[in-house]
């Protein structure tokens, strides 16, 4: 019943698609696709978050292993719950990817559903020794703050989409530049999501502070596996050409 959608992640400087975020959907008994806002709270209430993550990882590994173009190395990002931040357990969950180090790099994005547990630093270090990176997800909302960013040796930060999606001249849009500069000061890899227009992409490129990666509807909506494989066209195919080629495989976000 699990359906995986893959949202491309683009390196801002080069325009290369070198990663994706794996997003989970659920296929209901009537064949309709159900989105996370309808079922994630149920998964959490029943204490099934780690098991759910394992099922998503297993499905994504099978699909990507089969469809990833030869010679293509991909960073694959997954959302994980703070309560599941356990190096040994997560190593088992993502072993299908880590057993293929020439093809995949795994990044775990710690979502803002709860406070970061006290043992987080130890587990982050354990994951790094296994070749698994960690990011703070949705930075700027929820429980995330500068104290967490300073205290935890995470590899990267994903800026919440509310900043990049904010209307021009709004307070959030004005705060975008300051948020990017603040994250850059920490020396972490930075991902800005919610990039929905060419103008917002150009703004990020013109910033003095460096943004490493971007994702959002302007680059691509989440795609099914065949659409995503088509989207991974080598340069010099343009971004618009990639979107057109992958269009039939779009999975609504």
C-alpha atoms as a PDB file:
ATOM      1  CA  UNK A   1       0.000   0.000   0.000  1.00  0.00           C
ATOM      2  CA  UNK A   2       2.997   2.341   0.299  1.00  0.00           C
ATOM      3  CA  UNK A   3       3.726   4.615  -2.662  1.00  0.00           C
ATOM      4  CA  UNK A   4       6.987   6.540  -2.917  1.00  0.00           C
ATOM      5  CA  UNK A   5       7.302   9.900  -4.639  1.00  0.00           C
ATOM      6  CA  UNK A   6      10.689  11.417  -5.414  1.00  0.00           C
ATOM      7  CA  UNK A   7      11.214  15.179  -5.382  1.00  0.00           C
ATOM      8  CA  UNK A   8      14.443  16.168  -7.168  1.00  0.00           C
ATOM      9  CA  UNK A   9      17.052  18.182  -5.265  1.00  0.00           C
ATOM     10  CA  UNK A  10      19.201  20.475  -7.409  1.00  0.00           C
ATOM     11  CA  UNK A  11      22.675  21.795  -6.730  1.00  0.00           C
ATOM     12  CA  UNK A  12      22.173  25.541  -7.014  1.00  0.00           C
ATOM     13  CA  UNK A  13      25.575  26.429  -8.473  1.00  0.00           C
ATOM     14  CA  UNK A  14      25.652  23.833 -11.261  1.00  0.00           C
ATOM     15  CA  UNK A  15      21.989  23.020 -11.876  1.00  0.00           C
ATOM     16  CA  UNK A  16      22.769  19.315 -11.510  1.00  0.00           C
ATOM     17  CA  UNK A  17      20.129  17.000 -10.051  1.00  0.00           C
ATOM     18  CA  UNK A  18      22.154  14.936  -7.633  1.00  0.00           C
ATOM     19  CA  UNK A  19      19.585  13.928  -5.074  1.00  0.00           C
ATOM     20  CA  UNK A  20      15.957  13.516  -4.120  1.00  0.00           C
ATOM     21  CA  UNK A  21      13.711  13.564  -1.104  1.00  0.00           C
ATOM     22  CA  UNK A  22      11.647  10.418  -0.735  1.00  0.00           C
ATOM     23  CA  UNK A  23       8.034  11.267   0.168  1.00  0.00           C
ATOM     24  CA  UNK A  24       5.586   8.633   1.353  1.00  0.00           C
ATOM     25  CA  UNK A  25       2.016   8.186   0.147  1.00  0.00           C
ATOM     26  CA  UNK A  26      -0.567   5.548   0.983  1.00  0.00           C
ATOM     27  CA  UNK A  27      -2.728   3.686  -1.543  1.00  0.00           C
ATOM     28  CA  UNK A  28      -6.162   3.179   0.043  1.00  0.00           C
ATOM     29  CA  UNK A  29      -8.397   0.156  -0.516  1.00  0.00           C
ATOM     30  CA  UNK A  30     -10.318   2.115  -3.169  1.00  0.00           C
ATOM     31  CA  UNK A  31      -7.010   2.790  -5.002  1.00  0.00           C
ATOM     32  CA  UNK A  32      -6.964   6.471  -4.070  1.00  0.00           C
ATOM     33  CA  UNK A  33      -3.640   8.027  -3.055  1.00  0.00           C
ATOM     34  CA  UNK A  34      -3.703   9.331   0.520  1.00  0.00           C
ATOM     35  CA  UNK A  35      -1.238  12.008   1.610  1.00  0.00           C
ATOM     36  CA  UNK A  36       0.720  12.138   4.896  1.00  0.00           C
ATOM     37  CA  UNK A  37      -1.487  14.716   6.585  1.00  0.00           C
ATOM     38  CA  UNK A  38      -4.207  12.058   6.601  1.00  0.00           C
ATOM     39  CA  UNK A  39      -2.269   9.150   8.086  1.00  0.00           C
ATOM     40  CA  UNK A  40       0.988  10.175   9.784  1.00  0.00           C
ATOM     41  CA  UNK A  41      -0.732  11.009  13.080  1.00  0.00           C
ATOM     42  CA  UNK A  42      -2.253   7.513  13.068  1.00  0.00           C
ATOM     43  CA  UNK A  43       1.186   5.978  12.522  1.00  0.00           C
ATOM     44  CA  UNK A  44       2.547   8.037  15.430  1.00  0.00           C
ATOM     45  CA  UNK A  45      -0.317   7.193  17.788  1.00  0.00           C
ATOM     46  CA  UNK A  46       0.221   3.479  17.256  1.00  0.00           C
ATOM     47  CA  UNK A  47       3.982   3.674  17.773  1.00  0.00           C
ATOM     48  CA  UNK A  48       4.676   2.501  14.216  1.00  0.00           C
ATOM     49  CA  UNK A  49       6.948   5.325  13.044  1.00  0.00           C
ATOM     50  CA  UNK A  50      10.121   3.261  12.718  1.00  0.00           C
ATOM     51  CA  UNK A  51       8.301   0.391  11.045  1.00  0.00           C
ATOM     52  CA  UNK A  52       6.706   2.823   8.600  1.00  0.00           C
ATOM     53  CA  UNK A  53      10.097   4.379   7.812  1.00  0.00           C
ATOM     54  CA  UNK A  54      11.490   0.891   7.223  1.00  0.00           C
ATOM     55  CA  UNK A  55       8.740   0.066   4.728  1.00  0.00           C
ATOM     56  CA  UNK A  56       9.284   3.331   2.865  1.00  0.00           C
ATOM     57  CA  UNK A  57      13.055   2.770   2.756  1.00  0.00           C
ATOM     58  CA  UNK A  58      12.628  -0.774   1.476  1.00  0.00           C
ATOM     59  CA  UNK A  59      10.272   0.319  -1.314  1.00  0.00           C
ATOM     60  CA  UNK A  60      12.456   3.266  -2.316  1.00  0.00           C
ATOM     61  CA  UNK A  61      15.609   1.135  -2.354  1.00  0.00           C
ATOM     62  CA  UNK A  62      14.010  -1.440  -4.633  1.00  0.00           C
ATOM     63  CA  UNK A  63      12.697   1.198  -7.050  1.00  0.00           C
ATOM     64  CA  UNK A  64      15.813   3.344  -7.176  1.00  0.00           C
ATOM     65  CA  UNK A  65      18.149   0.357  -7.477  1.00  0.00           C
ATOM     66  CA  UNK A  66      16.201  -0.818 -10.501  1.00  0.00           C
ATOM     67  CA  UNK A  67      15.638   2.487 -12.278  1.00  0.00           C
ATOM     68  CA  UNK A  68      18.664   4.639 -11.435  1.00  0.00           C
ATOM     69  CA  UNK A  69      20.669   5.251 -14.623  1.00  0.00           C
ATOM     70  CA  UNK A  70      24.038   3.409 -14.796  1.00  0.00           C
ATOM     71  CA  UNK A  71      26.880   5.421 -13.338  1.00  0.00           C
ATOM     72  CA  UNK A  72      24.557   7.857 -11.557  1.00  0.00           C
ATOM     73  CA  UNK A  73      25.313   8.458  -7.883  1.00  0.00           C
ATOM     74  CA  UNK A  74      22.388   9.804  -5.884  1.00  0.00           C
ATOM     75  CA  UNK A  75      21.877  11.376  -2.481  1.00  0.00           C
ATOM     76  CA  UNK A  76      18.612  10.063  -1.055  1.00  0.00           C
ATOM     77  CA  UNK A  77      16.920  12.034   1.732  1.00  0.00           C
ATOM     78  CA  UNK A  78      14.370  10.554   4.126  1.00  0.00           C
ATOM     79  CA  UNK A  79      12.331  12.131   6.889  1.00  0.00           C
ATOM     80  CA  UNK A  80      12.690  10.484  10.291  1.00  0.00           C
ATOM     81  CA  UNK A  81      10.933  11.096  13.584  1.00  0.00           C
ATOM     82  CA  UNK A  82      13.010  12.393  16.529  1.00  0.00           C
ATOM     83  CA  UNK A  83      11.852   9.442  18.646  1.00  0.00           C
ATOM     84  CA  UNK A  84      13.485   7.073  16.120  1.00  0.00           C
ATOM     85  CA  UNK A  85      16.933   8.645  16.301  1.00  0.00           C
ATOM     86  CA  UNK A  86      18.736   5.400  17.097  1.00  0.00           C
ATOM     87  CA  UNK A  87      21.908   4.671  15.132  1.00  0.00           C
ATOM     88  CA  UNK A  88      21.780   0.885  15.377  1.00  0.00           C
ATOM     89  CA  UNK A  89      18.117   0.639  14.360  1.00  0.00           C
ATOM     90  CA  UNK A  90      18.416   3.146  11.542  1.00  0.00           C
ATOM     91  CA  UNK A  91      21.508   1.379  10.217  1.00  0.00           C
ATOM     92  CA  UNK A  92      19.357  -1.712   9.790  1.00  0.00           C
ATOM     93  CA  UNK A  93      16.481   0.234   8.230  1.00  0.00           C
ATOM     94  CA  UNK A  94      18.728   1.810   5.572  1.00  0.00           C
ATOM     95  CA  UNK A  95      21.103  -1.109   5.029  1.00  0.00           C
ATOM     96  CA  UNK A  96      19.783  -1.590   1.484  1.00  0.00           C
ATOM     97  CA  UNK A  97      21.245   1.806   0.571  1.00  0.00           C
ATOM     98  CA  UNK A  98      24.432   1.701   2.648  1.00  0.00           C
ATOM     99  CA  UNK A  99      25.305  -1.677   1.101  1.00  0.00           C
ATOM    100  CA  UNK A 100      25.557   0.172  -2.244  1.00  0.00           C
ATOM    101  CA  UNK A 101      27.982   2.986  -1.340  1.00  0.00           C
ATOM    102  CA  UNK A 102      28.996   3.506  -4.966  1.00  0.00           C
ATOM    103  CA  UNK A 103      25.386   4.364  -5.898  1.00  0.00           C
ATOM    104  CA  UNK A 104      23.749   6.012  -2.892  1.00  0.00           C
ATOM    105  CA  UNK A 105      24.397   8.496  -0.091  1.00  0.00           C
ATOM    106  CA  UNK A 106      21.766   8.544   2.664  1.00  0.00           C
ATOM    107  CA  UNK A 107      20.630  11.690   4.463  1.00  0.00           C
ATOM    108  CA  UNK A 108      18.146  11.538   7.325  1.00  0.00           C
ATOM    109  CA  UNK A 109      16.124  14.718   7.876  1.00  0.00           C
ATOM    110  CA  UNK A 110      14.970  14.993  11.489  1.00  0.00           C
ATOM    111  CA  UNK A 111      11.433  16.350  11.282  1.00  0.00           C
ATOM    112  CA  UNK A 112       9.904  18.850  13.683  1.00  0.00           C
ATOM    113  CA  UNK A 113       7.214  16.640  15.175  1.00  0.00           C
ATOM    114  CA  UNK A 114       8.744  16.625  18.646  1.00  0.00           C
ATOM    115  CA  UNK A 115      11.725  17.798  20.660  1.00  0.00           C
ATOM    116  CA  UNK A 116      15.138  16.418  19.793  1.00  0.00           C
ATOM    117  CA  UNK A 117      15.967  13.639  22.320  1.00  0.00           C
ATOM    118  CA  UNK A 118      18.825  14.082  24.838  1.00  0.00           C
ATOM    119  CA  UNK A 119      20.908  11.334  23.208  1.00  0.00           C
ATOM    120  CA  UNK A 120      20.722  12.939  19.765  1.00  0.00           C
ATOM    121  CA  UNK A 121      24.391  13.930  19.519  1.00  0.00           C
ATOM    122  CA  UNK A 122      25.586  10.400  20.296  1.00  0.00           C
ATOM    123  CA  UNK A 123      23.260   8.874  17.709  1.00  0.00           C
ATOM    124  CA  UNK A 124      24.177  11.440  15.049  1.00  0.00           C
ATOM    125  CA  UNK A 125      27.840  10.554  15.541  1.00  0.00           C
ATOM    126  CA  UNK A 126      27.037   6.836  15.348  1.00  0.00           C
ATOM    127  CA  UNK A 127      25.186   7.370  12.064  1.00  0.00           C
ATOM    128  CA  UNK A 128      28.048   9.398  10.630  1.00  0.00           C
ATOM    129  CA  UNK A 129      30.462   6.543  11.337  1.00  0.00           C
ATOM    130  CA  UNK A 130      28.171   4.371   9.218  1.00  0.00           C
ATOM    131  CA  UNK A 131      28.232   6.879   6.368  1.00  0.00           C
ATOM    132  CA  UNK A 132      24.732   8.260   7.055  1.00  0.00           C
ATOM    133  CA  UNK A 133      24.327  12.042   7.266  1.00  0.00           C
ATOM    134  CA  UNK A 134      21.744  13.972   9.272  1.00  0.00           C
ATOM    135  CA  UNK A 135      19.979  17.270   8.581  1.00  0.00           C
ATOM    136  CA  UNK A 136      17.676  19.404  10.686  1.00  0.00           C
ATOM    137  CA  UNK A 137      14.442  19.638   8.698  1.00  0.00           C
ATOM    138  CA  UNK A 138      12.068  22.622   8.463  1.00  0.00           C
ATOM    139  CA  UNK A 139      14.486  24.958  10.187  1.00  0.00           C
ATOM    140  CA  UNK A 140      12.773  28.108  11.403  1.00  0.00           C
ATOM    141  CA  UNK A 141       9.554  26.447  12.562  1.00  0.00           C
ATOM    142  CA  UNK A 142       8.420  24.058  15.246  1.00  0.00           C
ATOM    143  CA  UNK A 143      11.000  23.091  17.827  1.00  0.00           C
ATOM    144  CA  UNK A 144      14.067  24.013  15.785  1.00  0.00           C
ATOM    145  CA  UNK A 145      16.270  26.830  17.019  1.00  0.00           C
ATOM    146  CA  UNK A 146      19.849  28.077  16.969  1.00  0.00           C
ATOM    147  CA  UNK A 147      20.620  26.204  20.176  1.00  0.00           C
ATOM    148  CA  UNK A 148      19.892  22.856  18.519  1.00  0.00           C
ATOM    149  CA  UNK A 149      21.901  23.853  15.480  1.00  0.00           C
ATOM    150  CA  UNK A 150      24.868  24.879  17.607  1.00  0.00           C
ATOM    151  CA  UNK A 151      24.672  21.883  19.947  1.00  0.00           C
ATOM    152  CA  UNK A 152      24.254  19.104  17.374  1.00  0.00           C
ATOM    153  CA  UNK A 153      26.895  18.153  14.822  1.00  0.00           C
ATOM    154  CA  UNK A 154      24.364  17.683  12.022  1.00  0.00           C
ATOM    155  CA  UNK A 155      25.689  17.758   8.484  1.00  0.00           C
ATOM    156  CA  UNK A 156      23.087  20.115   7.069  1.00  0.00           C
ATOM    157  CA  UNK A 157      20.001  22.242   7.504  1.00  0.00           C
ATOM    158  CA  UNK A 158      16.856  22.438   5.398  1.00  0.00           C
ATOM    159  CA  UNK A 159      15.250  25.854   5.590  1.00  0.00           C
ATOM    160  CA  UNK A 160      11.492  25.651   5.959  1.00  0.00           C
ATOM    161  CA  UNK A 161       9.573  26.188   2.737  1.00  0.00           C
ATOM    162  CA  UNK A 162       7.584  29.050   4.262  1.00  0.00           C
ATOM    163  CA  UNK A 163      10.548  31.379   3.683  1.00  0.00           C
ATOM    164  CA  UNK A 164      11.033  30.678  -0.024  1.00  0.00           C
ATOM    165  CA  UNK A 165       7.303  30.466  -0.749  1.00  0.00           C
ATOM    166  CA  UNK A 166       6.453  33.746   0.964  1.00  0.00           C
ATOM    167  CA  UNK A 167       4.985  36.503  -1.263  1.00  0.00           C
ATOM    168  CA  UNK A 168       7.341  39.271  -2.346  1.00  0.00           C
ATOM    169  CA  UNK A 169       7.638  42.109   0.181  1.00  0.00           C
ATOM    170  CA  UNK A 170       6.153  39.971   2.966  1.00  0.00           C
ATOM    171  CA  UNK A 171       7.929  39.705   6.319  1.00  0.00           C
ATOM    172  CA  UNK A 172       8.831  36.053   5.663  1.00  0.00           C
ATOM    173  CA  UNK A 173      10.318  36.914   2.266  1.00  0.00           C
ATOM    174  CA  UNK A 174      12.434  39.630   3.868  1.00  0.00           C
ATOM    175  CA  UNK A 175      13.573  37.148   6.506  1.00  0.00           C
ATOM    176  CA  UNK A 176      14.731  34.670   3.847  1.00  0.00           C
ATOM    177  CA  UNK A 177      18.043  36.429   3.304  1.00  0.00           C
ATOM    178  CA  UNK A 178      18.707  36.672   7.042  1.00  0.00           C
ATOM    179  CA  UNK A 179      17.837  33.005   7.596  1.00  0.00           C
ATOM    180  CA  UNK A 180      20.212  31.941   4.811  1.00  0.00           C
ATOM    181  CA  UNK A 181      23.007  34.075   6.263  1.00  0.00           C
ATOM    182  CA  UNK A 182      22.379  32.660   9.732  1.00  0.00           C
ATOM    183  CA  UNK A 183      22.630  29.054   8.537  1.00  0.00           C
ATOM    184  CA  UNK A 184      25.722  29.793   6.471  1.00  0.00           C
ATOM    185  CA  UNK A 185      27.421  31.121   9.592  1.00  0.00           C
ATOM    186  CA  UNK A 186      27.197  27.626  11.103  1.00  0.00           C
ATOM    187  CA  UNK A 187      29.141  26.068   8.221  1.00  0.00           C
ATOM    188  CA  UNK A 188      26.454  23.450   7.552  1.00  0.00           C
ATOM    189  CA  UNK A 189      25.231  22.324   4.137  1.00  0.00           C
ATOM    190  CA  UNK A 190      22.096  24.319   3.329  1.00  0.00           C
ATOM    191  CA  UNK A 191      18.984  23.250   1.422  1.00  0.00           C
ATOM    192  CA  UNK A 192      16.206  25.718   0.618  1.00  0.00           C
ATOM    193  CA  UNK A 193      12.883  24.099  -0.225  1.00  0.00           C
ATOM    194  CA  UNK A 194       9.714  25.670  -1.535  1.00  0.00           C
ATOM    195  CA  UNK A 195      11.343  27.275  -4.594  1.00  0.00           C
ATOM    196  CA  UNK A 196       8.326  27.803  -6.845  1.00  0.00           C
ATOM    197  CA  UNK A 197       9.328  30.584  -9.262  1.00  0.00           C
ATOM    198  CA  UNK A 198      12.244  31.512 -11.505  1.00  0.00           C
ATOM    199  CA  UNK A 199      12.472  34.835  -9.662  1.00  0.00           C
ATOM    200  CA  UNK A 200      12.941  33.160  -6.291  1.00  0.00           C
ATOM    201  CA  UNK A 201      15.584  30.827  -7.731  1.00  0.00           C
ATOM    202  CA  UNK A 202      17.448  33.801  -9.187  1.00  0.00           C
ATOM    203  CA  UNK A 203      17.270  35.601  -5.840  1.00  0.00           C
ATOM    204  CA  UNK A 204      18.943  32.656  -4.126  1.00  0.00           C
ATOM    205  CA  UNK A 205      21.652  32.557  -6.797  1.00  0.00           C
ATOM    206  CA  UNK A 206      22.379  36.253  -6.332  1.00  0.00           C
ATOM    207  CA  UNK A 207      22.705  36.064  -2.553  1.00  0.00           C
ATOM    208  CA  UNK A 208      26.136  36.652  -1.108  1.00  0.00           C
ATOM    209  CA  UNK A 209      25.549  33.824   1.361  1.00  0.00           C
ATOM    210  CA  UNK A 210      25.893  30.460  -0.344  1.00  0.00           C
ATOM    211  CA  UNK A 211      22.921  28.127  -0.743  1.00  0.00           C
ATOM    212  CA  UNK A 212      24.052  24.598  -1.632  1.00  0.00           C
ATOM    213  CA  UNK A 213      20.845  22.882  -2.773  1.00  0.00           C
ATOM    214  CA  UNK A 214      17.274  23.798  -3.669  1.00  0.00           C
ATOM    215  CA  UNK A 215      14.048  21.933  -4.222  1.00  0.00           C
ATOM    216  CA  UNK A 216      10.500  22.975  -5.000  1.00  0.00           C
ATOM    217  CA  UNK A 217       7.835  23.030  -7.684  1.00  0.00           C
ATOM    218  CA  UNK A 218       9.876  25.240 -10.017  1.00  0.00           C
ATOM    219  CA  UNK A 219      12.513  22.507 -10.198  1.00  0.00           C
ATOM    220  CA  UNK A 220       9.974  19.670 -10.099  1.00  0.00           C
ATOM    221  CA  UNK A 221       6.951  18.372  -8.281  1.00  0.00           C
ATOM    222  CA  UNK A 222       7.343  14.962  -6.619  1.00  0.00           C
ATOM    223  CA  UNK A 223       7.530  12.254  -9.294  1.00  0.00           C
ATOM    224  CA  UNK A 224       6.853   8.552  -9.467  1.00  0.00           C
ATOM    225  CA  UNK A 225       9.908   6.387 -10.028  1.00  0.00           C
ATOM    226  CA  UNK A 226       9.658   6.360 -13.826  1.00  0.00           C
ATOM    227  CA  UNK A 227       9.148  10.099 -13.991  1.00  0.00           C
ATOM    228  CA  UNK A 228      12.067  10.654 -11.651  1.00  0.00           C
ATOM    229  CA  UNK A 229      14.355   8.388 -13.689  1.00  0.00           C
ATOM    230  CA  UNK A 230      13.398  10.387 -16.799  1.00  0.00           C
ATOM    231  CA  UNK A 231      14.103  13.623 -14.955  1.00  0.00           C
ATOM    232  CA  UNK A 232      17.677  12.536 -14.287  1.00  0.00           C
ATOM    233  CA  UNK A 233      18.647  13.461 -17.816  1.00  0.00           C
ATOM    234  CA  UNK A 234      22.320  14.435 -18.168  1.00  0.00           C
ATOM    235  CA  UNK A 235      23.312  17.986 -18.962  1.00  0.00           C
ATOM    236  CA  UNK A 236      23.044  20.009 -21.159  1.00  0.00           C
ATOM    237  CA  UNK A 237      19.321  19.141 -21.151  1.00  0.00           C
ATOM    238  CA  UNK A 238      17.527  22.177 -19.722  1.00  0.00           C
ATOM    239  CA  UNK A 239      15.422  22.177 -16.588  1.00  0.00           C
ATOM    240  CA  UNK A 240      12.297  22.870 -18.657  1.00  0.00           C
ATOM    241  CA  UNK A 241      13.117  19.934 -20.940  1.00  0.00           C
ATOM    242  CA  UNK A 242      13.565  17.671 -17.935  1.00  0.00           C
ATOM    243  CA  UNK A 243      10.187  18.711 -16.548  1.00  0.00           C
ATOM    244  CA  UNK A 244       8.497  18.093 -19.887  1.00  0.00           C
ATOM    245  CA  UNK A 245      10.116  14.678 -20.246  1.00  0.00           C
ATOM    246  CA  UNK A 246       9.042  13.631 -16.759  1.00  0.00           C
ATOM    247  CA  UNK A 247       5.588  15.241 -16.880  1.00  0.00           C
ATOM    248  CA  UNK A 248       3.520  12.075 -17.294  1.00  0.00           C
ATOM    249  CA  UNK A 249       4.937  10.690 -14.077  1.00  0.00           C
ATOM    250  CA  UNK A 250       4.049  13.596 -11.823  1.00  0.00           C
ATOM    251  CA  UNK A 251       2.642  12.684  -8.425  1.00  0.00           C
ATOM    252  CA  UNK A 252       0.778  15.563  -6.818  1.00  0.00           C
ATOM    253  CA  UNK A 253       2.479  16.847  -3.671  1.00  0.00           C
END
